[in-house]
PDB file of N, CA and C in Angstrom:
ATOM      1  N   MET A   1      76.232 219.185 281.625  1.00  0.00           N
ATOM      2  CA  MET A   1      76.931 220.352 281.224  1.00  0.00           C
ATOM      3  C   MET A   1      78.350 220.256 281.791  1.00  0.00           C
ATOM      4  N   VAL A   2      79.311 220.545 280.955  1.00  0.00           N
ATOM      5  CA  VAL A   2      80.773 220.464 281.318  1.00  0.00           C
ATOM      6  C   VAL A   2      81.252 221.866 281.449  1.00  0.00           C
ATOM      7  N   LEU A   3      81.871 222.100 282.651  1.00  0.00           N
ATOM      8  CA  LEU A   3      82.365 223.499 282.908  1.00  0.00           C
ATOM      9  C   LEU A   3      83.765 223.418 282.494  1.00  0.00           C
ATOM     10  N   PRO A   4      84.304 224.622 281.911  1.00  0.00           N
ATOM     11  CA  PRO A   4      85.688 224.637 281.662  1.00  0.00           C
ATOM     12  C   PRO A   4      86.475 224.610 282.863  1.00  0.00           C
ATOM     13  N   MET A   5      87.793 224.376 282.742  1.00  0.00           N
ATOM     14  CA  MET A   5      88.650 224.326 284.035  1.00  0.00           C
ATOM     15  C   MET A   5      88.823 225.676 284.780  1.00  0.00           C
ATOM     16  N   ARG A   6      88.736 226.748 283.975  1.00  0.00           N
ATOM     17  CA  ARG A   6      88.762 228.071 284.702  1.00  0.00           C
ATOM     18  C   ARG A   6      87.660 228.255 285.667  1.00  0.00           C
ATOM     19  N   SER A   7      86.557 227.896 285.308  1.00  0.00           N
ATOM     20  CA  SER A   7      85.317 228.091 286.290  1.00  0.00           C
ATOM     21  C   SER A   7      85.273 227.005 287.320  1.00  0.00           C
ATOM     22  N   ALA A   8      85.932 225.901 287.208  1.00  0.00           N
ATOM     23  CA  ALA A   8      85.812 224.786 288.130  1.00  0.00           C
ATOM     24  C   ALA A   8      86.681 225.065 289.357  1.00  0.00           C
ATOM     25  N   LYS A   9      87.717 225.790 289.261  1.00  0.00           N
ATOM     26  CA  LYS A   9      88.711 226.072 290.426  1.00  0.00           C
ATOM     27  C   LYS A   9      87.988 226.871 291.405  1.00  0.00           C
ATOM     28  N   PRO A  10      87.302 228.070 291.131  1.00  0.00           N
ATOM     29  CA  PRO A  10      86.650 228.853 292.134  1.00  0.00           C
ATOM     30  C   PRO A  10      85.590 228.109 292.869  1.00  0.00           C
ATOM     31  N   ILE A  11      84.881 227.167 292.110  1.00  0.00           N
ATOM     32  CA  ILE A  11      83.746 226.369 292.716  1.00  0.00           C
ATOM     33  C   ILE A  11      84.470 225.459 293.673  1.00  0.00           C
ATOM     34  N   ALA A  12      85.616 224.823 293.357  1.00  0.00           N
ATOM     35  CA  ALA A  12      86.209 223.910 294.233  1.00  0.00           C
ATOM     36  C   ALA A  12      86.749 224.716 295.498  1.00  0.00           C
ATOM     37  N   TRP A  13      87.362 225.845 295.383  1.00  0.00           N
ATOM     38  CA  TRP A  13      87.676 226.600 296.536  1.00  0.00           C
ATOM     39  C   TRP A  13      86.532 227.035 297.448  1.00  0.00           C
ATOM     40  N   ILE A  14      85.559 227.196 296.791  1.00  0.00           N
ATOM     41  CA  ILE A  14      84.176 227.659 297.629  1.00  0.00           C
ATOM     42  C   ILE A  14      83.797 226.421 298.484  1.00  0.00           C
ATOM     43  N   CYS A  15      83.733 225.329 297.705  1.00  0.00           N
ATOM     44  CA  CYS A  15      83.313 223.970 298.468  1.00  0.00           C
ATOM     45  C   CYS A  15      84.293 223.728 299.647  1.00  0.00           C
ATOM     46  N   LEU A  16      85.542 223.874 299.378  1.00  0.00           N
ATOM     47  CA  LEU A  16      86.589 223.628 300.473  1.00  0.00           C
ATOM     48  C   LEU A  16      86.375 224.589 301.620  1.00  0.00           C
ATOM     49  N   LEU A  17      86.202 225.756 301.348  1.00  0.00           N
ATOM     50  CA  LEU A  17      85.886 226.865 302.240  1.00  0.00           C
ATOM     51  C   LEU A  17      84.593 226.537 303.171  1.00  0.00           C
ATOM     52  N   LEU A  18      83.593 226.179 302.492  1.00  0.00           N
ATOM     53  CA  LEU A  18      82.364 225.839 303.151  1.00  0.00           C
ATOM     54  C   LEU A  18      82.545 224.495 304.079  1.00  0.00           C
ATOM     55  N   MET A  19      83.384 223.592 303.594  1.00  0.00           N
ATOM     56  CA  MET A  19      83.572 222.420 304.416  1.00  0.00           C
ATOM     57  C   MET A  19      84.402 222.792 305.676  1.00  0.00           C
ATOM     58  N   LEU A  20      85.362 223.765 305.485  1.00  0.00           N
ATOM     59  CA  LEU A  20      86.218 224.065 306.664  1.00  0.00           C
ATOM     60  C   LEU A  20      85.350 224.786 307.669  1.00  0.00           C
ATOM     61  N   VAL A  21      84.581 225.836 307.175  1.00  0.00           N
ATOM     62  CA  VAL A  21      83.648 226.604 308.055  1.00  0.00           C
ATOM     63  C   VAL A  21      82.647 225.742 308.760  1.00  0.00           C
ATOM     64  N   SER A  22      82.156 224.746 308.110  1.00  0.00           N
ATOM     65  CA  SER A  22      81.082 223.836 308.789  1.00  0.00           C
ATOM     66  C   SER A  22      81.761 223.019 309.811  1.00  0.00           C
ATOM     67  N   ALA A  23      83.014 222.499 309.501  1.00  0.00           N
ATOM     68  CA  ALA A  23      83.793 221.712 310.475  1.00  0.00           C
ATOM     69  C   ALA A  23      84.142 222.557 311.706  1.00  0.00           C
ATOM     70  N   TYR A  24      84.598 223.786 311.460  1.00  0.00           N
ATOM     71  CA  TYR A  24      84.811 224.621 312.652  1.00  0.00           C
ATOM     72  C   TYR A  24      83.595 224.896 313.446  1.00  0.00           C
ATOM     73  N   GLY A  25      82.433 225.092 312.825  1.00  0.00           N
ATOM     74  CA  GLY A  25      81.145 225.285 313.497  1.00  0.00           C
ATOM     75  C   GLY A  25      80.679 224.104 314.164  1.00  0.00           C
ATOM     76  N   PHE A  26      80.968 222.930 313.749  1.00  0.00           N
ATOM     77  CA  PHE A  26      80.627 221.556 314.387  1.00  0.00           C
ATOM     78  C   PHE A  26      81.485 221.440 315.633  1.00  0.00           C
ATOM     79  N   VAL A  27      82.699 221.823 315.640  1.00  0.00           N
ATOM     80  CA  VAL A  27      83.660 221.643 316.777  1.00  0.00           C
ATOM     81  C   VAL A  27      83.439 222.825 317.897  1.00  0.00           C
ATOM     82  N   ALA A  28      83.141 223.883 317.447  1.00  0.00           N
ATOM     83  CA  ALA A  28      83.256 225.210 318.332  1.00  0.00           C
ATOM     84  C   ALA A  28      81.926 225.470 318.897  1.00  0.00           C
ATOM     85  N   HIS A  29      80.790 224.859 318.424  1.00  0.00           N
ATOM     86  CA  HIS A  29      79.500 225.343 318.960  1.00  0.00           C
ATOM     87  C   HIS A  29      79.218 224.896 320.428  1.00  0.00           C
ATOM     88  N   GLN A  30      78.502 225.783 321.213  1.00  0.00           N
ATOM     89  CA  GLN A  30      78.308 225.545 322.672  1.00  0.00           C
ATOM     90  C   GLN A  30      76.888 225.847 322.907  1.00  0.00           C
ATOM     91  N   HIS A  31      76.385 225.393 324.010  1.00  0.00           N
ATOM     92  CA  HIS A  31      75.001 225.560 324.572  1.00  0.00           C
ATOM     93  C   HIS A  31      74.999 226.182 325.889  1.00  0.00           C
ATOM     94  N   SER A  32      74.020 227.039 326.194  1.00  0.00           N
ATOM     95  CA  SER A  32      73.962 227.635 327.470  1.00  0.00           C
ATOM     96  C   SER A  32      73.339 226.723 328.402  1.00  0.00           C
ATOM     97  N   SER A  33      72.507 225.831 328.073  1.00  0.00           N
ATOM     98  CA  SER A  33      71.850 224.960 329.031  1.00  0.00           C
ATOM     99  C   SER A  33      71.766 223.528 328.523  1.00  0.00           C
ATOM    100  N   PHE A  34      71.494 222.532 329.444  1.00  0.00           N
ATOM    101  CA  PHE A  34      71.350 221.156 329.030  1.00  0.00           C
ATOM    102  C   PHE A  34      70.153 220.925 328.121  1.00  0.00           C
ATOM    103  N   LEU A  35      69.034 221.674 328.252  1.00  0.00           N
ATOM    104  CA  LEU A  35      67.891 221.568 327.396  1.00  0.00           C
ATOM    105  C   LEU A  35      68.230 221.967 325.991  1.00  0.00           C
ATOM    106  N   ASP A  36      69.046 223.110 325.789  1.00  0.00           N
ATOM    107  CA  ASP A  36      69.352 223.460 324.469  1.00  0.00           C
ATOM    108  C   ASP A  36      70.253 222.290 323.703  1.00  0.00           C
ATOM    109  N   GLU A  37      71.098 221.713 324.548  1.00  0.00           N
ATOM    110  CA  GLU A  37      71.994 220.575 324.085  1.00  0.00           C
ATOM    111  C   GLU A  37      71.247 219.480 323.678  1.00  0.00           C
ATOM    112  N   ALA A  38      70.060 219.188 324.418  1.00  0.00           N
ATOM    113  CA  ALA A  38      69.266 217.939 324.093  1.00  0.00           C
ATOM    114  C   ALA A  38      68.541 218.184 322.914  1.00  0.00           C
ATOM    115  N   LYS A  39      68.218 219.449 322.432  1.00  0.00           N
ATOM    116  CA  LYS A  39      67.415 219.711 321.276  1.00  0.00           C
ATOM    117  C   LYS A  39      68.385 219.833 320.094  1.00  0.00           C
ATOM    118  N   CYS A  40      69.680 219.982 320.236  1.00  0.00           N
ATOM    119  CA  CYS A  40      70.592 220.199 319.213  1.00  0.00           C
ATOM    120  C   CYS A  40      70.877 218.879 318.363  1.00  0.00           C
ATOM    121  N   THR A  41      70.548 218.888 317.138  1.00  0.00           N
ATOM    122  CA  THR A  41      70.699 217.598 316.318  1.00  0.00           C
ATOM    123  C   THR A  41      72.130 217.293 316.200  1.00  0.00           C
ATOM    124  N   VAL A  42      73.084 218.311 316.154  1.00  0.00           N
ATOM    125  CA  VAL A  42      74.493 217.986 315.956  1.00  0.00           C
ATOM    126  C   VAL A  42      74.889 217.266 317.268  1.00  0.00           C
ATOM    127  N   CYS A  43      74.526 217.766 318.350  1.00  0.00           N
ATOM    128  CA  CYS A  43      74.901 217.140 319.689  1.00  0.00           C
ATOM    129  C   CYS A  43      74.382 215.760 319.827  1.00  0.00           C
ATOM    130  N   VAL A  44      73.082 215.640 319.514  1.00  0.00           N
ATOM    131  CA  VAL A  44      72.464 214.298 319.556  1.00  0.00           C
ATOM    132  C   VAL A  44      73.167 213.241 318.722  1.00  0.00           C
ATOM    133  N   VAL A  45      73.577 213.601 317.361  1.00  0.00           N
ATOM    134  CA  VAL A  45      74.200 212.705 316.582  1.00  0.00           C
ATOM    135  C   VAL A  45      75.610 212.365 317.103  1.00  0.00           C
ATOM    136  N   ALA A  46      76.308 213.399 317.596  1.00  0.00           N
ATOM    137  CA  ALA A  46      77.670 213.169 318.100  1.00  0.00           C
ATOM    138  C   ALA A  46      77.742 212.300 319.317  1.00  0.00           C
ATOM    139  N   HIS A  47      76.709 212.238 320.119  1.00  0.00           N
ATOM    140  CA  HIS A  47      76.734 211.330 321.264  1.00  0.00           C
ATOM    141  C   HIS A  47      76.037 210.073 321.143  1.00  0.00           C
ATOM    142  N   SER A  48      75.437 209.870 319.897  1.00  0.00           N
ATOM    143  CA  SER A  48      74.806 208.563 319.691  1.00  0.00           C
ATOM    144  C   SER A  48      75.819 207.463 319.408  1.00  0.00           C
ATOM    145  N   ALA A  49      75.469 206.230 319.832  1.00  0.00           N
ATOM    146  CA  ALA A  49      76.346 205.080 319.555  1.00  0.00           C
ATOM    147  C   ALA A  49      76.345 204.705 318.063  1.00  0.00           C
ATOM    148  N   SER A  50      77.555 204.463 317.548  1.00  0.00           N
ATOM    149  CA  SER A  50      77.637 204.022 316.245  1.00  0.00           C
ATOM    150  C   SER A  50      77.401 202.482 316.073  1.00  0.00           C
ATOM    151  N   PRO A  51      76.730 202.025 315.028  1.00  0.00           N
ATOM    152  CA  PRO A  51      76.434 200.546 314.954  1.00  0.00           C
ATOM    153  C   PRO A  51      77.682 199.802 314.813  1.00  0.00           C
ATOM    154  N   VAL A  52      77.705 198.608 315.316  1.00  0.00           N
ATOM    155  CA  VAL A  52      78.825 197.632 315.264  1.00  0.00           C
ATOM    156  C   VAL A  52      78.495 196.556 314.345  1.00  0.00           C
ATOM    157  N   ALA A  53      79.487 196.417 313.220  1.00  0.00           N
ATOM    158  CA  ALA A  53      79.338 195.414 312.311  1.00  0.00           C
ATOM    159  C   ALA A  53      79.586 194.093 312.900  1.00  0.00           C
ATOM    160  N   ILE A  54      78.657 193.040 312.637  1.00  0.00           N
ATOM    161  CA  ILE A  54      78.954 191.740 313.106  1.00  0.00           C
ATOM    162  C   ILE A  54      79.485 190.908 311.856  1.00  0.00           C
ATOM    163  N   THR A  55      80.686 190.411 312.196  1.00  0.00           N
ATOM    164  CA  THR A  55      81.398 189.638 311.202  1.00  0.00           C
ATOM    165  C   THR A  55      81.543 188.158 311.718  1.00  0.00           C
ATOM    166  N   SER A  56      81.399 187.308 310.861  1.00  0.00           N
ATOM    167  CA  SER A  56      81.702 185.895 311.079  1.00  0.00           C
ATOM    168  C   SER A  56      82.507 185.236 310.094  1.00  0.00           C
ATOM    169  N   LEU A  57      83.473 184.586 310.386  1.00  0.00           N
ATOM    170  CA  LEU A  57      84.338 183.962 309.284  1.00  0.00           C
ATOM    171  C   LEU A  57      83.833 182.524 309.051  1.00  0.00           C
ATOM    172  N   PRO A  58      83.647 182.122 307.848  1.00  0.00           N
ATOM    173  CA  PRO A  58      83.227 180.670 307.612  1.00  0.00           C
ATOM    174  C   PRO A  58      84.274 179.698 308.060  1.00  0.00           C
ATOM    175  N   SER A  59      83.721 178.596 308.640  1.00  0.00           N
ATOM    176  CA  SER A  59      84.777 177.620 309.070  1.00  0.00           C
ATOM    177  C   SER A  59      85.281 176.900 307.848  1.00  0.00           C
ATOM    178  N   ALA A  60      86.590 176.645 307.830  1.00  0.00           N
ATOM    179  CA  ALA A  60      87.191 175.872 306.727  1.00  0.00           C
ATOM    180  C   ALA A  60      87.163 174.352 306.967  1.00  0.00           C
ATOM    181  N   VAL A  61      86.764 173.654 305.897  1.00  0.00           N
ATOM    182  CA  VAL A  61      86.734 172.220 306.008  1.00  0.00           C
ATOM    183  C   VAL A  61      87.636 171.603 304.912  1.00  0.00           C
ATOM    184  N   LEU A  62      88.604 170.798 305.347  1.00  0.00           N
ATOM    185  CA  LEU A  62      89.542 170.239 304.370  1.00  0.00           C
ATOM    186  C   LEU A  62      88.968 168.904 303.839  1.00  0.00           C
ATOM    187  N   VAL A  63      89.019 168.789 302.516  1.00  0.00           N
ATOM    188  CA  VAL A  63      88.470 167.664 301.752  1.00  0.00           C
ATOM    189  C   VAL A  63      89.586 167.040 301.070  1.00  0.00           C
ATOM    190  N   ARG A  64      89.825 165.751 301.156  1.00  0.00           N
ATOM    191  CA  ARG A  64      90.886 165.006 300.515  1.00  0.00           C
ATOM    192  C   ARG A  64      90.453 164.694 299.154  1.00  0.00           C
ATOM    193  N   VAL A  65      91.331 165.066 298.111  1.00  0.00           N
ATOM    194  CA  VAL A  65      90.944 164.740 296.704  1.00  0.00           C
ATOM    195  C   VAL A  65      91.554 163.376 296.317  1.00  0.00           C
ATOM    196  N   LEU A  66      90.733 162.516 295.856  1.00  0.00           N
ATOM    197  CA  LEU A  66      91.194 161.144 295.418  1.00  0.00           C
ATOM    198  C   LEU A  66      91.574 161.122 294.117  1.00  0.00           C
ATOM    199  N   LEU A  67      90.912 161.840 293.190  1.00  0.00           N
ATOM    200  CA  LEU A  67      91.157 161.687 291.771  1.00  0.00           C
ATOM    201  C   LEU A  67      91.523 163.079 291.117  1.00  0.00           C
ATOM    202  N   VAL A  68      92.589 163.102 290.293  1.00  0.00           N
ATOM    203  CA  VAL A  68      92.999 164.355 289.705  1.00  0.00           C
ATOM    204  C   VAL A  68      92.960 163.949 288.262  1.00  0.00           C
ATOM    205  N   ILE A  69      92.220 164.865 287.522  1.00  0.00           N
ATOM    206  CA  ILE A  69      92.075 164.712 285.967  1.00  0.00           C
ATOM    207  C   ILE A  69      92.892 165.682 285.403  1.00  0.00           C
ATOM    208  N   LEU A  70      93.868 165.212 284.501  1.00  0.00           N
ATOM    209  CA  LEU A  70      94.715 166.092 283.862  1.00  0.00           C
ATOM    210  C   LEU A  70      94.208 166.357 282.387  1.00  0.00           C
ATOM    211  N   ALA A  71      94.174 167.617 282.043  1.00  0.00           N
ATOM    212  CA  ALA A  71      93.545 167.966 280.766  1.00  0.00           C
ATOM    213  C   ALA A  71      94.648 167.722 279.617  1.00  0.00           C
ATOM    214  N   GLU A  72      94.177 167.700 278.447  1.00  0.00           N
ATOM    215  CA  GLU A  72      95.167 167.598 277.352  1.00  0.00           C
ATOM    216  C   GLU A  72      95.851 168.941 277.151  1.00  0.00           C
ATOM    217  N   PRO A  73      97.085 168.859 276.960  1.00  0.00           N
ATOM    218  CA  PRO A  73      97.898 170.097 276.786  1.00  0.00           C
ATOM    219  C   PRO A  73      97.480 170.813 275.514  1.00  0.00           C
ATOM    220  N   LEU A  74      97.420 172.097 275.603  1.00  0.00           N
ATOM    221  CA  LEU A  74      97.113 172.938 274.445  1.00  0.00           C
ATOM    222  C   LEU A  74      98.338 173.081 273.539  1.00  0.00           C
ATOM    223  N   SER A  75      97.993 173.260 272.283  1.00  0.00           N
ATOM    224  CA  SER A  75      99.122 173.418 271.294  1.00  0.00           C
ATOM    225  C   SER A  75      99.290 174.905 271.296  1.00  0.00           C
ATOM    226  N   ALA A  76     100.410 175.424 270.746  1.00  0.00           N
ATOM    227  CA  ALA A  76     100.706 176.724 270.657  1.00  0.00           C
ATOM    228  C   ALA A  76      99.733 177.558 269.788  1.00  0.00           C
ATOM    229  N   LYS A  77      99.227 176.901 268.716  1.00  0.00           N
ATOM    230  CA  LYS A  77      98.183 177.488 267.813  1.00  0.00           C
ATOM    231  C   LYS A  77      96.892 177.784 268.556  1.00  0.00           C
ATOM    232  N   GLN A  78      96.485 176.885 269.424  1.00  0.00           N
ATOM    233  CA  GLN A  78      95.230 177.109 270.178  1.00  0.00           C
ATOM    234  C   GLN A  78      95.396 178.306 271.176  1.00  0.00           C
ATOM    235  N   ARG A  79      96.612 178.488 271.665  1.00  0.00           N
ATOM    236  CA  ARG A  79      96.835 179.572 272.642  1.00  0.00           C
ATOM    237  C   ARG A  79      96.866 181.006 271.998  1.00  0.00           C
ATOM    238  N   LEU A  80      97.203 180.942 270.617  1.00  0.00           N
ATOM    239  CA  LEU A  80      97.445 182.209 269.883  1.00  0.00           C
ATOM    240  C   LEU A  80      96.138 182.791 269.401  1.00  0.00           C
ATOM    241  N   VAL A  81      95.004 181.997 269.406  1.00  0.00           N
ATOM    242  CA  VAL A  81      93.677 182.414 268.775  1.00  0.00           C
ATOM    243  C   VAL A  81      93.195 183.624 269.545  1.00  0.00           C
ATOM    244  N   PRO A  82      93.061 183.651 270.835  1.00  0.00           N
ATOM    245  CA  PRO A  82      92.501 184.883 271.484  1.00  0.00           C
ATOM    246  C   PRO A  82      93.492 186.019 271.224  1.00  0.00           C
ATOM    247  N   PHE A  83      94.817 185.756 271.325  1.00  0.00           N
ATOM    248  CA  PHE A  83      95.701 186.930 271.150  1.00  0.00           C
ATOM    249  C   PHE A  83      95.537 187.566 269.705  1.00  0.00           C
ATOM    250  N   ALA A  84      95.402 186.789 268.678  1.00  0.00           N
ATOM    251  CA  ALA A  84      95.287 187.188 267.347  1.00  0.00           C
ATOM    252  C   ALA A  84      93.899 187.962 267.122  1.00  0.00           C
ATOM    253  N   LEU A  85      92.906 187.700 267.924  1.00  0.00           N
ATOM    254  CA  LEU A  85      91.644 188.409 267.770  1.00  0.00           C
ATOM    255  C   LEU A  85      91.706 189.819 268.433  1.00  0.00           C
ATOM    256  N   THR A  86      92.598 190.008 269.342  1.00  0.00           N
ATOM    257  CA  THR A  86      92.646 191.228 270.090  1.00  0.00           C
ATOM    258  C   THR A  86      93.683 192.231 269.615  1.00  0.00           C
ATOM    259  N   VAL A  87      94.535 191.878 268.795  1.00  0.00           N
ATOM    260  CA  VAL A  87      95.615 192.733 268.211  1.00  0.00           C
ATOM    261  C   VAL A  87      95.252 193.493 266.939  1.00  0.00           C
ATOM    262  N   ARG A  88      95.289 194.699 266.955  1.00  0.00           N
ATOM    263  CA  ARG A  88      94.986 195.542 265.760  1.00  0.00           C
ATOM    264  C   ARG A  88      96.078 195.399 264.755  1.00  0.00           C
ATOM    265  N   PRO A  89      95.662 195.249 263.531  1.00  0.00           N
ATOM    266  CA  PRO A  89      96.761 195.259 262.422  1.00  0.00           C
ATOM    267  C   PRO A  89      97.384 196.573 262.207  1.00  0.00           C
ATOM    268  N   PRO A  90      98.466 196.705 261.657  1.00  0.00           N
ATOM    269  CA  PRO A  90      99.149 197.980 261.456  1.00  0.00           C
ATOM    270  C   PRO A  90      98.253 198.855 260.370  1.00  0.00           C
ATOM    271  N   PRO A  91      98.287 200.100 260.516  1.00  0.00           N
ATOM    272  CA  PRO A  91      97.530 200.969 259.700  1.00  0.00           C
ATOM    273  C   PRO A  91      98.097 200.958 258.171  1.00  0.00           C
ATOM    274  N   ALA A  92      97.146 200.915 257.225  1.00  0.00           N
ATOM    275  CA  ALA A  92      97.561 200.974 255.814  1.00  0.00           C
ATOM    276  C   ALA A  92      97.971 202.383 255.418  1.00  0.00           C
ATOM    277  N   ILE A  93      99.073 202.371 254.748  1.00  0.00           N
ATOM    278  CA  ILE A  93      99.608 203.755 254.254  1.00  0.00           C
ATOM    279  C   ILE A  93      99.284 203.888 252.918  1.00  0.00           C
TER     280      ILE A  93
END
């Protein structure tokens, strides 16, 4: 279902408002005791360690090339074949 542009703008504003309210609630919430903080899923996630991505770069090995094979040069007609297949002819009047 595609919504017209007039009805999409209020939905976008509502989503933006909900995002800002939830961000404010995430930052401003407090607990009266340590036990309440230990049960709060927001606080548990905020204090958990984020996983570290392990990256390793492959080692480069230089290989000497002893033989270079040169291909036959293409003629201009051979180069124009793909171009001719992709260009649309002018419309007939």
